[in-house]
Amino acid sequence: MTTRVLGIDPGLTRCGVGIVDVTATRTATLVTVEVIRTPPDMPLEQRLLAVGIAIERLLDEHRPDSVAIERVFAQHNLRTVMGTAQVSGVALHAAAKRGLSVGLHTPSEVKASITGYGAADKKQVATMVARVLGLAELPSPADASDALAIAICHAWRTPTGAVIRGNSTAAGSPATGALTPAQQAWLAAERSTTKSVPKRRLAP
C-alpha cells in the first residue's frame, strides 16, 4: 500500500508539478512530472486559468491522496513572490474542491528532508531526488526536481500510516527502526532545521 502525493513548485512562468508514490517504508517511485508554462505577455487572469486547468487535469488523472506546495516566503522581487502566491492560491483552491489535504513546506524544510542540509543548492536537490526515485538522469528543469522534492518531503514528513491509499488509519509517529540509515540522517537534519530556521511568510 502506498500514499500518492502531488507536489507543486508554484510559479507563473514555470510551475513544476511532480507526483510520487511512497510506501509505508518510505520508498518513493515516480508517477509523473511536468512543468506548466505560461508566456509573460499573456494577461494575468489567463495565465492563472491555464495553470489552474493543468493542475486540475493532473489531480483528476492521477488522483493523489494529498497535495504539497512550497510555502510562499519573502523575496526581494515582489513581482515574483506575488505570482508565486497567486499560483499557490489556485492550487489550494483546486485541492480544496476535491477534499484533499494540503501541506505547505518551506524551501529549507524540503532541502533538509531530501539532502540532509537545509541550504543545499538546486543541483544537490536534483541529484538526491534522482537517487531517491531511482532515475537514470536528473529531473530537468529545476522546477521539475523541486516539485518532486516537495512531494517526497511531504510524504516523508507525514507520519507513517497517516495516509495510505485505500486505507485510512490513525496517524502515528514513524518508527525509527523502519527507516534506512540515510533516511534517519535526513529525518534528524530535518528536525534540526525546522527548529533552527524560522518560517517566513508574507504579511497578510
N, C-alpha and C. Protein backbone atom coordinates (compact mmCIF):
# COMPACT_ATOMS: atom_id res chain seq x y z
N MET A 1 0.84 -1.19 0.00
CA MET A 1 0.00 0.00 0.00
C MET A 1 0.88 1.25 0.00
N THR A 2 0.45 2.24 -0.75
CA THR A 2 1.25 3.45 -0.88
C THR A 2 0.38 4.69 -0.71
N THR A 3 1.06 5.80 -0.47
CA THR A 3 0.40 7.09 -0.49
C THR A 3 0.89 7.86 -1.70
N ARG A 4 0.00 8.55 -2.37
CA ARG A 4 0.36 9.31 -3.57
C ARG A 4 0.29 10.80 -3.25
N VAL A 5 1.37 11.51 -3.53
CA VAL A 5 1.45 12.94 -3.24
C VAL A 5 1.74 13.72 -4.51
N LEU A 6 1.00 14.80 -4.71
CA LEU A 6 1.26 15.71 -5.82
C LEU A 6 1.96 16.94 -5.26
N GLY A 7 3.20 17.17 -5.71
CA GLY A 7 3.97 18.30 -5.23
C GLY A 7 3.99 19.43 -6.25
N ILE A 8 3.92 20.65 -5.77
CA ILE A 8 3.88 21.82 -6.66
C ILE A 8 4.95 22.82 -6.26
N ASP A 9 5.77 23.20 -7.24
CA ASP A 9 6.72 24.30 -7.10
C ASP A 9 6.08 25.48 -7.83
N PRO A 10 5.34 26.34 -7.13
CA PRO A 10 4.50 27.32 -7.81
C PRO A 10 5.27 28.43 -8.50
N GLY A 11 4.76 28.83 -9.65
CA GLY A 11 5.35 29.93 -10.40
C GLY A 11 4.47 30.23 -11.59
N LEU A 12 4.47 31.48 -12.05
CA LEU A 12 3.63 31.86 -13.19
C LEU A 12 4.25 31.45 -14.52
N THR A 13 5.53 31.73 -14.70
CA THR A 13 6.18 31.39 -15.96
C THR A 13 6.43 29.89 -16.06
N ARG A 14 6.89 29.31 -14.95
CA ARG A 14 7.12 27.86 -14.89
C ARG A 14 6.59 27.35 -13.54
N CYS A 15 5.66 26.42 -13.61
CA CYS A 15 5.11 25.79 -12.39
C CYS A 15 5.40 24.30 -12.46
N GLY A 16 6.29 23.83 -11.58
CA GLY A 16 6.63 22.42 -11.57
C GLY A 16 5.59 21.61 -10.82
N VAL A 17 5.21 20.47 -11.38
CA VAL A 17 4.26 19.56 -10.72
C VAL A 17 4.83 18.15 -10.80
N GLY A 18 5.04 17.54 -9.65
CA GLY A 18 5.58 16.19 -9.61
C GLY A 18 4.73 15.29 -8.73
N ILE A 19 4.51 14.08 -9.16
CA ILE A 19 3.68 13.13 -8.41
C ILE A 19 4.51 11.89 -8.10
N VAL A 20 4.47 11.47 -6.83
CA VAL A 20 5.22 10.28 -6.41
C VAL A 20 4.33 9.37 -5.59
N ASP A 21 4.63 8.09 -5.64
CA ASP A 21 4.03 7.09 -4.76
C ASP A 21 5.07 6.73 -3.71
N VAL A 22 4.67 6.73 -2.44
CA VAL A 22 5.61 6.43 -1.35
C VAL A 22 5.00 5.35 -0.47
N THR A 23 5.78 4.29 -0.22
CA THR A 23 5.30 3.19 0.59
C THR A 23 5.42 3.51 2.07
N ALA A 24 4.89 2.63 2.90
CA ALA A 24 4.97 2.80 4.35
C ALA A 24 6.41 2.76 4.84
N THR A 25 7.32 2.16 4.06
CA THR A 25 8.74 2.13 4.42
C THR A 25 9.50 3.31 3.80
N ARG A 26 8.75 4.26 3.20
CA ARG A 26 9.30 5.48 2.63
C ARG A 26 10.10 5.28 1.35
N THR A 27 9.80 4.21 0.65
CA THR A 27 10.37 4.02 -0.67
C THR A 27 9.53 4.80 -1.67
N ALA A 28 10.18 5.68 -2.46
CA ALA A 28 9.46 6.57 -3.36
C ALA A 28 9.63 6.14 -4.82
N THR A 29 8.54 6.27 -5.59
CA THR A 29 8.54 5.93 -7.01
C THR A 29 7.92 7.07 -7.80
N LEU A 30 8.53 7.41 -8.92
CA LEU A 30 8.00 8.46 -9.77
C LEU A 30 6.72 8.01 -10.46
N VAL A 31 5.69 8.87 -10.42
CA VAL A 31 4.47 8.64 -11.19
C VAL A 31 4.51 9.49 -12.45
N THR A 32 4.69 10.80 -12.29
CA THR A 32 4.83 11.69 -13.44
C THR A 32 5.36 13.03 -12.96
N VAL A 33 5.92 13.78 -13.88
CA VAL A 33 6.39 15.12 -13.57
C VAL A 33 6.29 15.97 -14.83
N GLU A 34 5.90 17.22 -14.67
CA GLU A 34 5.85 18.13 -15.81
C GLU A 34 5.98 19.57 -15.31
N VAL A 35 6.27 20.45 -16.23
CA VAL A 35 6.37 21.87 -15.93
C VAL A 35 5.32 22.61 -16.74
N ILE A 36 4.41 23.28 -16.05
CA ILE A 36 3.36 24.07 -16.70
C ILE A 36 3.95 25.44 -17.01
N ARG A 37 3.85 25.87 -18.26
CA ARG A 37 4.45 27.14 -18.67
C ARG A 37 3.38 28.09 -19.20
N THR A 38 3.54 29.38 -18.88
CA THR A 38 2.69 30.42 -19.46
C THR A 38 3.56 31.59 -19.88
N PRO A 39 3.26 32.22 -21.01
CA PRO A 39 4.08 33.33 -21.50
C PRO A 39 3.86 34.61 -20.70
N PRO A 40 4.91 35.37 -20.46
CA PRO A 40 4.80 36.61 -19.68
C PRO A 40 3.87 37.64 -20.29
N ASP A 41 3.67 37.60 -21.62
CA ASP A 41 2.82 38.61 -22.26
C ASP A 41 1.34 38.23 -22.23
N MET A 42 0.99 37.09 -21.66
CA MET A 42 -0.40 36.69 -21.54
C MET A 42 -1.03 37.44 -20.35
N PRO A 43 -2.30 37.86 -20.45
CA PRO A 43 -2.95 38.52 -19.31
C PRO A 43 -2.90 37.65 -18.06
N LEU A 44 -2.73 38.29 -16.91
CA LEU A 44 -2.56 37.56 -15.66
C LEU A 44 -3.68 36.56 -15.41
N GLU A 45 -4.93 37.00 -15.63
CA GLU A 45 -6.05 36.09 -15.35
C GLU A 45 -6.02 34.86 -16.25
N GLN A 46 -5.53 35.03 -17.49
CA GLN A 46 -5.44 33.90 -18.40
C GLN A 46 -4.30 32.96 -18.02
N ARG A 47 -3.23 33.53 -17.51
CA ARG A 47 -2.11 32.70 -17.05
C ARG A 47 -2.54 31.84 -15.86
N LEU A 48 -3.25 32.46 -14.92
CA LEU A 48 -3.72 31.71 -13.75
C LEU A 48 -4.73 30.64 -14.17
N LEU A 49 -5.58 30.97 -15.13
CA LEU A 49 -6.55 29.99 -15.63
C LEU A 49 -5.83 28.80 -16.25
N ALA A 50 -4.80 29.07 -17.05
CA ALA A 50 -4.07 27.99 -17.72
C ALA A 50 -3.38 27.09 -16.70
N VAL A 51 -2.75 27.70 -15.70
CA VAL A 51 -2.09 26.90 -14.66
C VAL A 51 -3.12 26.09 -13.89
N GLY A 52 -4.24 26.71 -13.56
CA GLY A 52 -5.28 26.01 -12.80
C GLY A 52 -5.85 24.83 -13.56
N ILE A 53 -6.09 25.01 -14.86
CA ILE A 53 -6.63 23.91 -15.66
C ILE A 53 -5.64 22.74 -15.70
N ALA A 54 -4.36 23.05 -15.85
CA ALA A 54 -3.35 21.99 -15.91
C ALA A 54 -3.24 21.24 -14.58
N ILE A 55 -3.27 21.98 -13.46
CA ILE A 55 -3.21 21.34 -12.15
C ILE A 55 -4.43 20.46 -11.93
N GLU A 56 -5.60 20.96 -12.29
CA GLU A 56 -6.82 20.18 -12.11
C GLU A 56 -6.80 18.92 -12.97
N ARG A 57 -6.25 19.03 -14.17
CA ARG A 57 -6.12 17.85 -15.04
C ARG A 57 -5.27 16.77 -14.38
N LEU A 58 -4.15 17.18 -13.79
CA LEU A 58 -3.26 16.22 -13.14
C LEU A 58 -3.91 15.64 -11.89
N LEU A 59 -4.63 16.45 -11.15
CA LEU A 59 -5.34 15.96 -9.96
C LEU A 59 -6.37 14.90 -10.34
N ASP A 60 -7.13 15.17 -11.39
CA ASP A 60 -8.19 14.24 -11.78
C ASP A 60 -7.63 12.99 -12.46
N GLU A 61 -6.53 13.14 -13.17
CA GLU A 61 -5.94 11.99 -13.87
C GLU A 61 -5.24 11.04 -12.91
N HIS A 62 -4.52 11.59 -11.94
CA HIS A 62 -3.68 10.74 -11.08
C HIS A 62 -4.23 10.56 -9.67
N ARG A 63 -5.24 11.32 -9.28
CA ARG A 63 -5.96 11.14 -8.01
C ARG A 63 -5.03 10.97 -6.81
N PRO A 64 -4.25 11.98 -6.50
CA PRO A 64 -3.35 11.88 -5.33
C PRO A 64 -4.13 11.86 -4.02
N ASP A 65 -3.49 11.39 -2.96
CA ASP A 65 -4.09 11.38 -1.63
C ASP A 65 -3.93 12.73 -0.94
N SER A 66 -2.89 13.47 -1.31
CA SER A 66 -2.66 14.78 -0.71
C SER A 66 -1.83 15.63 -1.67
N VAL A 67 -1.78 16.92 -1.35
CA VAL A 67 -1.05 17.87 -2.18
C VAL A 67 -0.03 18.59 -1.31
N ALA A 68 1.14 18.84 -1.85
CA ALA A 68 2.19 19.57 -1.13
C ALA A 68 2.63 20.76 -1.99
N ILE A 69 2.74 21.92 -1.37
CA ILE A 69 3.09 23.15 -2.08
C ILE A 69 4.22 23.84 -1.34
N GLU A 70 5.16 24.40 -2.10
CA GLU A 70 6.21 25.18 -1.45
C GLU A 70 5.59 26.42 -0.81
N ARG A 71 5.91 26.65 0.45
CA ARG A 71 5.35 27.77 1.18
C ARG A 71 5.89 29.09 0.63
N VAL A 72 4.99 30.04 0.42
CA VAL A 72 5.40 31.36 -0.06
C VAL A 72 6.18 32.07 1.04
N PHE A 73 7.32 32.64 0.66
CA PHE A 73 8.13 33.35 1.65
C PHE A 73 8.63 34.64 1.03
N ALA A 74 9.11 35.54 1.87
CA ALA A 74 9.52 36.87 1.41
C ALA A 74 10.71 36.78 0.46
N GLN A 75 10.66 37.53 -0.62
CA GLN A 75 11.76 37.62 -1.57
C GLN A 75 11.98 39.09 -1.90
N HIS A 76 13.13 39.38 -2.48
CA HIS A 76 13.42 40.76 -2.87
C HIS A 76 12.55 41.19 -4.05
N ASN A 77 12.23 40.24 -4.95
CA ASN A 77 11.45 40.55 -6.13
C ASN A 77 9.96 40.39 -5.81
N LEU A 78 9.28 41.51 -5.53
CA LEU A 78 7.87 41.47 -5.13
C LEU A 78 7.00 40.88 -6.23
N ARG A 79 7.32 41.20 -7.49
CA ARG A 79 6.51 40.69 -8.59
C ARG A 79 6.57 39.17 -8.64
N THR A 80 7.75 38.61 -8.42
CA THR A 80 7.91 37.16 -8.44
C THR A 80 7.14 36.50 -7.31
N VAL A 81 7.24 37.06 -6.11
CA VAL A 81 6.57 36.44 -4.97
C VAL A 81 5.06 36.59 -5.08
N MET A 82 4.59 37.64 -5.70
CA MET A 82 3.15 37.79 -5.91
C MET A 82 2.63 36.72 -6.87
N GLY A 83 3.36 36.48 -7.95
CA GLY A 83 2.96 35.44 -8.89
C GLY A 83 2.96 34.07 -8.23
N THR A 84 3.98 33.82 -7.41
CA THR A 84 4.06 32.55 -6.68
C THR A 84 2.87 32.38 -5.74
N ALA A 85 2.51 33.46 -5.04
CA ALA A 85 1.38 33.40 -4.11
C ALA A 85 0.07 33.17 -4.86
N GLN A 86 -0.08 33.82 -6.02
CA GLN A 86 -1.31 33.66 -6.79
C GLN A 86 -1.47 32.23 -7.30
N VAL A 87 -0.38 31.64 -7.80
CA VAL A 87 -0.44 30.26 -8.27
C VAL A 87 -0.70 29.31 -7.10
N SER A 88 -0.11 29.60 -5.94
CA SER A 88 -0.36 28.77 -4.75
C SER A 88 -1.85 28.80 -4.40
N GLY A 89 -2.46 29.97 -4.51
CA GLY A 89 -3.89 30.08 -4.23
C GLY A 89 -4.72 29.25 -5.18
N VAL A 90 -4.35 29.27 -6.47
CA VAL A 90 -5.06 28.45 -7.46
C VAL A 90 -4.94 26.97 -7.10
N ALA A 91 -3.74 26.55 -6.72
CA ALA A 91 -3.52 25.14 -6.37
C ALA A 91 -4.28 24.76 -5.11
N LEU A 92 -4.29 25.64 -4.12
CA LEU A 92 -5.02 25.39 -2.88
C LEU A 92 -6.51 25.24 -3.17
N HIS A 93 -7.03 26.08 -4.03
CA HIS A 93 -8.44 26.02 -4.40
C HIS A 93 -8.78 24.69 -5.09
N ALA A 94 -7.92 24.28 -6.03
CA ALA A 94 -8.16 23.03 -6.75
C ALA A 94 -8.14 21.83 -5.79
N ALA A 95 -7.20 21.84 -4.84
CA ALA A 95 -7.12 20.73 -3.88
C ALA A 95 -8.34 20.73 -2.96
N ALA A 96 -8.75 21.92 -2.49
CA ALA A 96 -9.89 22.00 -1.58
C ALA A 96 -11.17 21.53 -2.25
N LYS A 97 -11.34 21.83 -3.54
CA LYS A 97 -12.52 21.39 -4.29
C LYS A 97 -12.64 19.87 -4.29
N ARG A 98 -11.51 19.19 -4.20
CA ARG A 98 -11.50 17.73 -4.25
C ARG A 98 -11.35 17.10 -2.87
N GLY A 99 -11.42 17.92 -1.84
CA GLY A 99 -11.35 17.41 -0.48
C GLY A 99 -10.00 16.88 -0.08
N LEU A 100 -8.93 17.37 -0.72
CA LEU A 100 -7.59 16.88 -0.44
C LEU A 100 -6.90 17.73 0.61
N SER A 101 -6.15 17.09 1.49
CA SER A 101 -5.35 17.83 2.47
C SER A 101 -4.14 18.42 1.76
N VAL A 102 -3.67 19.56 2.27
CA VAL A 102 -2.54 20.25 1.65
C VAL A 102 -1.48 20.53 2.70
N GLY A 103 -0.23 20.25 2.36
CA GLY A 103 0.90 20.58 3.23
C GLY A 103 1.73 21.68 2.59
N LEU A 104 2.11 22.68 3.38
CA LEU A 104 2.96 23.77 2.92
C LEU A 104 4.34 23.61 3.56
N HIS A 105 5.38 23.61 2.74
CA HIS A 105 6.73 23.37 3.23
C HIS A 105 7.68 24.44 2.71
N THR A 106 8.52 24.95 3.59
CA THR A 106 9.49 25.96 3.20
C THR A 106 10.62 25.31 2.39
N PRO A 107 11.33 26.08 1.59
CA PRO A 107 12.46 25.52 0.85
C PRO A 107 13.48 24.85 1.77
N SER A 108 13.74 25.43 2.94
CA SER A 108 14.72 24.83 3.86
C SER A 108 14.25 23.47 4.36
N GLU A 109 12.97 23.35 4.64
CA GLU A 109 12.43 22.06 5.08
C GLU A 109 12.56 21.01 4.00
N VAL A 110 12.27 21.39 2.78
CA VAL A 110 12.36 20.45 1.66
C VAL A 110 13.80 20.01 1.45
N LYS A 111 14.73 20.97 1.44
CA LYS A 111 16.14 20.64 1.23
C LYS A 111 16.67 19.74 2.33
N ALA A 112 16.28 20.01 3.58
CA ALA A 112 16.74 19.19 4.69
C ALA A 112 16.20 17.77 4.58
N SER A 113 14.95 17.63 4.15
CA SER A 113 14.36 16.29 4.02
C SER A 113 15.05 15.47 2.94
N ILE A 114 15.40 16.12 1.84
CA ILE A 114 15.94 15.39 0.69
C ILE A 114 17.45 15.17 0.79
N THR A 115 18.18 16.20 1.23
CA THR A 115 19.64 16.12 1.21
C THR A 115 20.27 16.03 2.60
N GLY A 116 19.50 16.35 3.65
CA GLY A 116 20.07 16.40 4.99
C GLY A 116 20.71 17.74 5.29
N TYR A 117 20.56 18.70 4.36
CA TYR A 117 21.21 20.00 4.51
C TYR A 117 20.23 21.08 4.05
N GLY A 118 19.82 21.95 4.97
CA GLY A 118 18.78 22.93 4.68
C GLY A 118 19.17 24.03 3.74
N ALA A 119 20.47 24.13 3.39
CA ALA A 119 20.92 25.18 2.46
C ALA A 119 21.50 24.57 1.19
N ALA A 120 21.08 23.36 0.85
CA ALA A 120 21.58 22.69 -0.35
C ALA A 120 21.22 23.48 -1.60
N ASP A 121 22.05 23.38 -2.65
CA ASP A 121 21.73 24.06 -3.90
C ASP A 121 20.84 23.17 -4.76
N LYS A 122 20.39 23.73 -5.89
CA LYS A 122 19.42 23.03 -6.72
C LYS A 122 19.99 21.74 -7.32
N LYS A 123 21.28 21.75 -7.66
CA LYS A 123 21.88 20.55 -8.23
C LYS A 123 21.93 19.43 -7.19
N GLN A 124 22.23 19.77 -5.94
CA GLN A 124 22.25 18.77 -4.88
C GLN A 124 20.87 18.19 -4.66
N VAL A 125 19.86 19.04 -4.70
CA VAL A 125 18.48 18.57 -4.54
C VAL A 125 18.11 17.65 -5.69
N ALA A 126 18.41 18.05 -6.92
CA ALA A 126 18.08 17.24 -8.09
C ALA A 126 18.80 15.89 -8.04
N THR A 127 20.05 15.90 -7.60
CA THR A 127 20.83 14.66 -7.51
C THR A 127 20.20 13.69 -6.53
N MET A 128 19.78 14.20 -5.37
CA MET A 128 19.17 13.32 -4.37
C MET A 128 17.78 12.86 -4.78
N VAL A 129 17.03 13.72 -5.47
CA VAL A 129 15.72 13.32 -5.98
C VAL A 129 15.88 12.16 -6.96
N ALA A 130 16.85 12.28 -7.86
CA ALA A 130 17.10 11.20 -8.82
C ALA A 130 17.51 9.92 -8.11
N ARG A 131 18.32 10.05 -7.07
CA ARG A 131 18.77 8.87 -6.33
C ARG A 131 17.61 8.21 -5.58
N VAL A 132 16.79 9.04 -4.93
CA VAL A 132 15.65 8.51 -4.16
C VAL A 132 14.66 7.80 -5.08
N LEU A 133 14.43 8.38 -6.26
CA LEU A 133 13.44 7.81 -7.19
C LEU A 133 14.03 6.77 -8.14
N GLY A 134 15.34 6.58 -8.08
CA GLY A 134 15.99 5.61 -8.95
C GLY A 134 15.98 6.01 -10.41
N LEU A 135 16.16 7.33 -10.66
CA LEU A 135 16.15 7.82 -12.03
C LEU A 135 17.55 7.79 -12.63
N ALA A 136 17.62 7.52 -13.92
CA ALA A 136 18.92 7.46 -14.61
C ALA A 136 19.48 8.86 -14.85
N GLU A 137 18.60 9.86 -14.96
CA GLU A 137 19.03 11.22 -15.22
C GLU A 137 18.40 12.17 -14.20
N LEU A 138 19.02 13.32 -14.02
CA LEU A 138 18.48 14.31 -13.10
C LEU A 138 17.21 14.91 -13.70
N PRO A 139 16.17 15.10 -12.89
CA PRO A 139 14.96 15.76 -13.40
C PRO A 139 15.31 17.17 -13.85
N SER A 140 14.76 17.58 -14.98
CA SER A 140 15.06 18.90 -15.53
C SER A 140 13.81 19.47 -16.17
N PRO A 141 13.61 20.79 -16.05
CA PRO A 141 14.45 21.79 -15.39
C PRO A 141 14.32 21.73 -13.87
N ALA A 142 14.90 22.71 -13.18
CA ALA A 142 14.91 22.71 -11.72
C ALA A 142 13.50 22.71 -11.14
N ASP A 143 12.55 23.32 -11.85
CA ASP A 143 11.17 23.35 -11.36
C ASP A 143 10.61 21.93 -11.22
N ALA A 144 11.03 21.04 -12.10
CA ALA A 144 10.57 19.65 -12.04
C ALA A 144 11.15 18.93 -10.83
N SER A 145 12.47 19.05 -10.63
CA SER A 145 13.09 18.37 -9.49
C SER A 145 12.60 18.97 -8.18
N ASP A 146 12.37 20.29 -8.14
CA ASP A 146 11.87 20.91 -6.92
C ASP A 146 10.47 20.40 -6.58
N ALA A 147 9.61 20.25 -7.59
CA ALA A 147 8.26 19.74 -7.35
C ALA A 147 8.30 18.32 -6.79
N LEU A 148 9.18 17.49 -7.35
CA LEU A 148 9.31 16.11 -6.84
C LEU A 148 9.86 16.11 -5.42
N ALA A 149 10.82 16.99 -5.16
CA ALA A 149 11.38 17.08 -3.81
C ALA A 149 10.31 17.48 -2.80
N ILE A 150 9.44 18.41 -3.18
CA ILE A 150 8.36 18.85 -2.29
C ILE A 150 7.42 17.68 -2.00
N ALA A 151 7.09 16.90 -3.03
CA ALA A 151 6.19 15.76 -2.84
C ALA A 151 6.82 14.71 -1.91
N ILE A 152 8.10 14.41 -2.14
CA ILE A 152 8.80 13.43 -1.31
C ILE A 152 8.89 13.93 0.13
N CYS A 153 9.25 15.19 0.29
CA CYS A 153 9.33 15.79 1.63
C CYS A 153 8.03 15.63 2.37
N HIS A 154 6.93 15.93 1.71
CA HIS A 154 5.61 15.85 2.37
C HIS A 154 5.31 14.41 2.78
N ALA A 155 5.59 13.47 1.89
CA ALA A 155 5.32 12.06 2.21
C ALA A 155 6.16 11.59 3.38
N TRP A 156 7.43 11.98 3.42
CA TRP A 156 8.32 11.55 4.49
C TRP A 156 7.99 12.24 5.81
N ARG A 157 7.46 13.46 5.74
CA ARG A 157 7.11 14.18 6.97
C ARG A 157 5.77 13.74 7.53
N THR A 158 4.94 13.10 6.69
CA THR A 158 3.66 12.60 7.15
C THR A 158 3.89 11.34 7.97
N PRO A 159 3.33 11.26 9.18
CA PRO A 159 3.53 10.06 10.00
C PRO A 159 3.12 8.81 9.24
N THR A 160 3.95 7.77 9.34
CA THR A 160 3.69 6.52 8.65
C THR A 160 2.30 6.00 9.00
N GLY A 161 1.52 5.69 7.95
CA GLY A 161 0.19 5.16 8.16
C GLY A 161 -0.87 6.23 8.23
N ALA A 162 -0.48 7.52 8.20
CA ALA A 162 -1.49 8.57 8.30
C ALA A 162 -2.35 8.62 7.04
N VAL A 163 -1.75 8.45 5.88
CA VAL A 163 -2.48 8.44 4.62
C VAL A 163 -1.97 7.30 3.77
N ILE A 164 -2.74 6.24 3.69
CA ILE A 164 -2.37 5.09 2.88
C ILE A 164 -3.46 4.89 1.84
N ARG A 165 -3.09 4.74 0.59
CA ARG A 165 -4.08 4.63 -0.47
C ARG A 165 -5.02 3.46 -0.20
N GLY A 166 -6.32 3.77 -0.18
CA GLY A 166 -7.31 2.74 0.00
C GLY A 166 -7.50 2.30 1.44
N ASN A 167 -6.82 2.96 2.39
CA ASN A 167 -6.94 2.52 3.77
C ASN A 167 -6.63 3.67 4.71
N SER A 168 -7.64 4.21 5.37
CA SER A 168 -7.44 5.30 6.31
C SER A 168 -7.16 4.72 7.69
N THR A 169 -6.03 5.12 8.27
CA THR A 169 -5.67 4.64 9.59
C THR A 169 -5.30 5.82 10.45
N ALA A 170 -5.22 5.59 11.75
CA ALA A 170 -4.84 6.66 12.67
C ALA A 170 -3.39 7.02 12.46
N ALA A 171 -3.11 8.29 12.52
CA ALA A 171 -1.74 8.74 12.35
C ALA A 171 -0.92 8.39 13.57
N GLY A 172 0.31 7.93 13.30
CA GLY A 172 1.20 7.61 14.39
C GLY A 172 2.61 8.03 14.05
N SER A 173 3.49 8.11 15.02
CA SER A 173 4.86 8.52 14.75
C SER A 173 5.60 7.39 14.05
N PRO A 174 6.38 7.70 13.02
CA PRO A 174 7.10 6.66 12.31
C PRO A 174 8.16 6.03 13.19
N ALA A 175 8.25 4.72 13.13
CA ALA A 175 9.25 4.02 13.93
C ALA A 175 10.62 4.22 13.31
N THR A 176 11.57 4.69 14.09
CA THR A 176 12.91 4.96 13.58
C THR A 176 13.54 3.71 13.00
N GLY A 177 13.23 2.56 13.60
CA GLY A 177 13.82 1.33 13.13
C GLY A 177 13.39 0.93 11.74
N ALA A 178 12.26 1.53 11.25
CA ALA A 178 11.76 1.19 9.93
C ALA A 178 12.47 1.97 8.83
N LEU A 179 13.31 2.93 9.22
CA LEU A 179 13.99 3.77 8.24
C LEU A 179 15.40 3.25 7.96
N THR A 180 15.86 3.55 6.76
CA THR A 180 17.24 3.23 6.43
C THR A 180 18.15 4.23 7.16
N PRO A 181 19.44 3.93 7.29
CA PRO A 181 20.35 4.88 7.94
C PRO A 181 20.32 6.26 7.27
N ALA A 182 20.24 6.28 5.93
CA ALA A 182 20.19 7.57 5.23
C ALA A 182 18.94 8.34 5.59
N GLN A 183 17.80 7.64 5.64
CA GLN A 183 16.55 8.31 5.98
C GLN A 183 16.56 8.80 7.42
N GLN A 184 17.21 8.05 8.32
CA GLN A 184 17.33 8.51 9.70
C GLN A 184 18.14 9.80 9.76
N ALA A 185 19.19 9.88 8.95
CA ALA A 185 20.01 11.10 8.91
C ALA A 185 19.22 12.26 8.36
N TRP A 186 18.43 12.00 7.31
CA TRP A 186 17.59 13.06 6.74
C TRP A 186 16.58 13.56 7.77
N LEU A 187 15.97 12.61 8.49
CA LEU A 187 14.96 12.99 9.47
C LEU A 187 15.57 13.83 10.58
N ALA A 188 16.77 13.45 11.04
CA ALA A 188 17.44 14.21 12.09
C ALA A 188 17.79 15.61 11.61
N ALA A 189 18.28 15.71 10.37
CA ALA A 189 18.63 17.02 9.82
C ALA A 189 17.39 17.88 9.64
N GLU A 190 16.30 17.26 9.22
CA GLU A 190 15.05 17.98 9.03
C GLU A 190 14.54 18.56 10.33
N ARG A 191 14.59 17.74 11.39
CA ARG A 191 14.12 18.22 12.70
C ARG A 191 14.99 19.36 13.19
N SER A 192 16.30 19.24 12.97
CA SER A 192 17.22 20.29 13.39
C SER A 192 16.96 21.58 12.66
N THR A 193 16.73 21.47 11.33
CA THR A 193 16.48 22.66 10.53
C THR A 193 15.16 23.31 10.90
N THR A 194 14.12 22.48 11.13
CA THR A 194 12.81 23.00 11.48
C THR A 194 12.88 23.82 12.77
N LYS A 195 13.73 23.39 13.72
CA LYS A 195 13.84 24.10 14.98
C LYS A 195 14.65 25.38 14.86
N SER A 196 15.65 25.35 13.97
CA SER A 196 16.60 26.46 13.93
C SER A 196 16.27 27.52 12.90
N VAL A 197 15.49 27.16 11.85
CA VAL A 197 15.17 28.12 10.80
C VAL A 197 13.75 28.59 10.95
N PRO A 198 13.53 29.88 11.23
CA PRO A 198 12.16 30.38 11.40
C PRO A 198 11.43 30.37 10.07
N LYS A 199 10.14 30.07 10.11
CA LYS A 199 9.31 30.10 8.91
C LYS A 199 9.01 31.55 8.59
N ARG A 200 9.18 31.92 7.33
CA ARG A 200 8.91 33.28 6.90
C ARG A 200 7.78 33.28 5.92
N ARG A 201 6.86 34.17 6.08
CA ARG A 201 5.74 34.23 5.18
C ARG A 201 5.38 35.69 4.92
N LEU A 202 4.56 35.88 3.89
CA LEU A 202 4.13 37.24 3.59
C LEU A 202 3.20 37.75 4.66
N ALA A 203 3.31 39.03 4.98
CA ALA A 203 2.37 39.62 5.93
C ALA A 203 1.00 39.66 5.29
N PRO A 204 -0.09 39.42 6.08
CA PRO A 204 -1.44 39.44 5.50
C PRO A 204 -1.79 40.85 5.03
